[in-house]
Amino acid sequence: KSIALAVRIQPKDKTLTEEEIEAVAAKIVEKVGKATGGTLRG
């Protein structure tokens, strides 16, 4: 079984740095993984 997620991050006050984007993405993956027991493929 698999699912696909699309997440749009659009802060209104500034442009995010690559490091900030990667940190947010890592948190999303961690929280979804904990909630579902799923893992990323690859």
PDB file of N, CA and C in Angstrom:
ATOM      1  N   LYS A   1       0.845  -1.174   0.000  1.00  0.00           N
ATOM      2  CA  LYS A   1       0.000   0.000   0.000  1.00  0.00           C
ATOM      3  C   LYS A   1       0.889   1.236   0.000  1.00  0.00           C
ATOM      4  N   SER A   2       0.477   2.261  -0.724  1.00  0.00           N
ATOM      5  CA  SER A   2       1.270   3.491  -0.740  1.00  0.00           C
ATOM      6  C   SER A   2       0.346   4.701  -0.810  1.00  0.00           C
ATOM      7  N   ILE A   3       0.888   5.815  -0.365  1.00  0.00           N
ATOM      8  CA  ILE A   3       0.174   7.082  -0.467  1.00  0.00           C
ATOM      9  C   ILE A   3       1.134   8.138  -0.992  1.00  0.00           C
ATOM     10  N   ALA A   4       0.590   9.180  -1.559  1.00  0.00           N
ATOM     11  CA  ALA A   4       1.395  10.316  -2.009  1.00  0.00           C
ATOM     12  C   ALA A   4       0.875  11.562  -1.312  1.00  0.00           C
ATOM     13  N   LEU A   5       1.788  12.407  -0.917  1.00  0.00           N
ATOM     14  CA  LEU A   5       1.430  13.667  -0.271  1.00  0.00           C
ATOM     15  C   LEU A   5       2.050  14.818  -1.039  1.00  0.00           C
ATOM     16  N   ALA A   6       1.333  15.911  -1.120  1.00  0.00           N
ATOM     17  CA  ALA A   6       1.883  17.154  -1.659  1.00  0.00           C
ATOM     18  C   ALA A   6       1.706  18.216  -0.588  1.00  0.00           C
ATOM     19  N   VAL A   7       2.775  18.924  -0.298  1.00  0.00           N
ATOM     20  CA  VAL A   7       2.738  19.954   0.738  1.00  0.00           C
ATOM     21  C   VAL A   7       3.271  21.247   0.137  1.00  0.00           C
ATOM     22  N   ARG A   8       2.524  22.314   0.312  1.00  0.00           N
ATOM     23  CA  ARG A   8       2.969  23.627  -0.156  1.00  0.00           C
ATOM     24  C   ARG A   8       3.267  24.482   1.067  1.00  0.00           C
ATOM     25  N   ILE A   9       4.478  25.010   1.120  1.00  0.00           N
ATOM     26  CA  ILE A   9       4.900  25.850   2.236  1.00  0.00           C
ATOM     27  C   ILE A   9       5.096  27.257   1.676  1.00  0.00           C
ATOM     28  N   GLN A  10       4.269  28.194   2.118  1.00  0.00           N
ATOM     29  CA  GLN A  10       4.346  29.559   1.607  1.00  0.00           C
ATOM     30  C   GLN A  10       4.289  30.575   2.741  1.00  0.00           C
ATOM     31  N   PRO A  11       5.430  30.840   3.370  1.00  0.00           N
ATOM     32  CA  PRO A  11       5.414  31.876   4.399  1.00  0.00           C
ATOM     33  C   PRO A  11       5.150  33.239   3.752  1.00  0.00           C
ATOM     34  N   LYS A  12       4.419  34.081   4.428  1.00  0.00           N
ATOM     35  CA  LYS A  12       4.054  35.380   3.871  1.00  0.00           C
ATOM     36  C   LYS A  12       5.091  36.465   4.161  1.00  0.00           C
ATOM     37  N   ASP A  13       5.965  36.227   5.137  1.00  0.00           N
ATOM     38  CA  ASP A  13       6.857  37.300   5.562  1.00  0.00           C
ATOM     39  C   ASP A  13       8.285  37.209   5.039  1.00  0.00           C
ATOM     40  N   LYS A  14       8.698  36.044   4.530  1.00  0.00           N
ATOM     41  CA  LYS A  14      10.080  35.928   4.039  1.00  0.00           C
ATOM     42  C   LYS A  14      10.213  34.702   3.146  1.00  0.00           C
ATOM     43  N   THR A  15      11.314  34.634   2.440  1.00  0.00           N
ATOM     44  CA  THR A  15      11.640  33.465   1.641  1.00  0.00           C
ATOM     45  C   THR A  15      12.409  32.484   2.520  1.00  0.00           C
ATOM     46  N   LEU A  16      12.019  31.217   2.487  1.00  0.00           N
ATOM     47  CA  LEU A  16      12.710  30.210   3.290  1.00  0.00           C
ATOM     48  C   LEU A  16      14.050  29.849   2.667  1.00  0.00           C
ATOM     49  N   THR A  17      15.017  29.550   3.524  1.00  0.00           N
ATOM     50  CA  THR A  17      16.302  29.056   3.045  1.00  0.00           C
ATOM     51  C   THR A  17      16.174  27.560   2.763  1.00  0.00           C
ATOM     52  N   GLU A  18      17.116  27.023   2.058  1.00  0.00           N
ATOM     53  CA  GLU A  18      17.121  25.587   1.766  1.00  0.00           C
ATOM     54  C   GLU A  18      17.147  24.776   3.058  1.00  0.00           C
ATOM     55  N   GLU A  19      17.912  25.244   4.041  1.00  0.00           N
ATOM     56  CA  GLU A  19      18.000  24.549   5.326  1.00  0.00           C
ATOM     57  C   GLU A  19      16.648  24.536   6.042  1.00  0.00           C
ATOM     58  N   GLU A  20      15.934  25.651   5.989  1.00  0.00           N
ATOM     59  CA  GLU A  20      14.614  25.720   6.629  1.00  0.00           C
ATOM     60  C   GLU A  20      13.622  24.780   5.939  1.00  0.00           C
ATOM     61  N   ILE A  21      13.671  24.732   4.630  1.00  0.00           N
ATOM     62  CA  ILE A  21      12.788  23.842   3.872  1.00  0.00           C
ATOM     63  C   ILE A  21      13.086  22.391   4.217  1.00  0.00           C
ATOM     64  N   GLU A  22      14.360  22.033   4.262  1.00  0.00           N
ATOM     65  CA  GLU A  22      14.743  20.660   4.591  1.00  0.00           C
ATOM     66  C   GLU A  22      14.312  20.287   6.009  1.00  0.00           C
ATOM     67  N   ALA A  23      14.408  21.227   6.945  1.00  0.00           N
ATOM     68  CA  ALA A  23      13.997  20.958   8.329  1.00  0.00           C
ATOM     69  C   ALA A  23      12.494  20.715   8.410  1.00  0.00           C
ATOM     70  N   VAL A  24      11.714  21.519   7.710  1.00  0.00           N
ATOM     71  CA  VAL A  24      10.259  21.337   7.701  1.00  0.00           C
ATOM     72  C   VAL A  24       9.909  20.002   7.057  1.00  0.00           C
ATOM     73  N   ALA A  25      10.552  19.681   5.937  1.00  0.00           N
ATOM     74  CA  ALA A  25      10.281  18.414   5.253  1.00  0.00           C
ATOM     75  C   ALA A  25      10.611  17.226   6.156  1.00  0.00           C
ATOM     76  N   ALA A  26      11.717  17.299   6.876  1.00  0.00           N
ATOM     77  CA  ALA A  26      12.100  16.210   7.779  1.00  0.00           C
ATOM     78  C   ALA A  26      11.073  16.033   8.893  1.00  0.00           C
ATOM     79  N   LYS A  27      10.556  17.136   9.430  1.00  0.00           N
ATOM     80  CA  LYS A  27       9.532  17.051  10.477  1.00  0.00           C
ATOM     81  C   LYS A  27       8.253  16.419   9.940  1.00  0.00           C
ATOM     82  N   ILE A  28       7.876  16.794   8.727  1.00  0.00           N
ATOM     83  CA  ILE A  28       6.668  16.223   8.125  1.00  0.00           C
ATOM     84  C   ILE A  28       6.829  14.720   7.950  1.00  0.00           C
ATOM     85  N   VAL A  29       7.956  14.298   7.402  1.00  0.00           N
ATOM     86  CA  VAL A  29       8.209  12.868   7.193  1.00  0.00           C
ATOM     87  C   VAL A  29       8.192  12.127   8.524  1.00  0.00           C
ATOM     88  N   GLU A  30       8.821  12.697   9.543  1.00  0.00           N
ATOM     89  CA  GLU A  30       8.864  12.060  10.863  1.00  0.00           C
ATOM     90  C   GLU A  30       7.459  11.904  11.454  1.00  0.00           C
ATOM     91  N   LYS A  31       6.687  12.970  11.423  1.00  0.00           N
ATOM     92  CA  LYS A  31       5.349  12.926  12.030  1.00  0.00           C
ATOM     93  C   LYS A  31       4.400  12.003  11.269  1.00  0.00           C
ATOM     94  N   VAL A  32       4.460  12.030   9.953  1.00  0.00           N
ATOM     95  CA  VAL A  32       3.609  11.127   9.166  1.00  0.00           C
ATOM     96  C   VAL A  32       4.036   9.683   9.402  1.00  0.00           C
ATOM     97  N   GLY A  33       5.338   9.445   9.471  1.00  0.00           N
ATOM     98  CA  GLY A  33       5.835   8.099   9.744  1.00  0.00           C
ATOM     99  C   GLY A  33       5.369   7.575  11.091  1.00  0.00           C
ATOM    100  N   LYS A  34       5.434   8.419  12.113  1.00  0.00           N
ATOM    101  CA  LYS A  34       4.983   8.003  13.449  1.00  0.00           C
ATOM    102  C   LYS A  34       3.480   7.750  13.473  1.00  0.00           C
ATOM    103  N   ALA A  35       2.724   8.579  12.766  1.00  0.00           N
ATOM    104  CA  ALA A  35       1.264   8.458  12.778  1.00  0.00           C
ATOM    105  C   ALA A  35       0.769   7.247  11.997  1.00  0.00           C
ATOM    106  N   THR A  36       1.522   6.859  10.958  1.00  0.00           N
ATOM    107  CA  THR A  36       1.042   5.795  10.069  1.00  0.00           C
ATOM    108  C   THR A  36       1.874   4.523  10.120  1.00  0.00           C
ATOM    109  N   GLY A  37       3.087   4.606  10.678  1.00  0.00           N
ATOM    110  CA  GLY A  37       3.989   3.459  10.645  1.00  0.00           C
ATOM    111  C   GLY A  37       4.663   3.292   9.295  1.00  0.00           C
ATOM    112  N   GLY A  38       4.480   4.268   8.424  1.00  0.00           N
ATOM    113  CA  GLY A  38       5.047   4.193   7.078  1.00  0.00           C
ATOM    114  C   GLY A  38       6.479   4.686   7.017  1.00  0.00           C
ATOM    115  N   THR A  39       7.125   4.393   5.909  1.00  0.00           N
ATOM    116  CA  THR A  39       8.486   4.847   5.655  1.00  0.00           C
ATOM    117  C   THR A  39       8.578   5.339   4.216  1.00  0.00           C
ATOM    118  N   LEU A  40       9.616   6.123   3.946  1.00  0.00           N
ATOM    119  CA  LEU A  40       9.863   6.559   2.579  1.00  0.00           C
ATOM    120  C   LEU A  40      10.509   5.435   1.790  1.00  0.00           C
ATOM    121  N   ARG A  41      10.115   5.305   0.544  1.00  0.00           N
ATOM    122  CA  ARG A  41      10.770   4.329  -0.327  1.00  0.00           C
ATOM    123  C   ARG A  41      12.013   4.957  -0.919  1.00  0.00           C
ATOM    124  N   GLY A  42      12.951   4.097  -1.276  1.00  0.00           N
ATOM    125  CA  GLY A  42      14.088   4.610  -2.005  1.00  0.00           C
ATOM    126  C   GLY A  42      15.314   4.473  -1.308  1.00  0.00           C
TER     127      GLY A  42
END
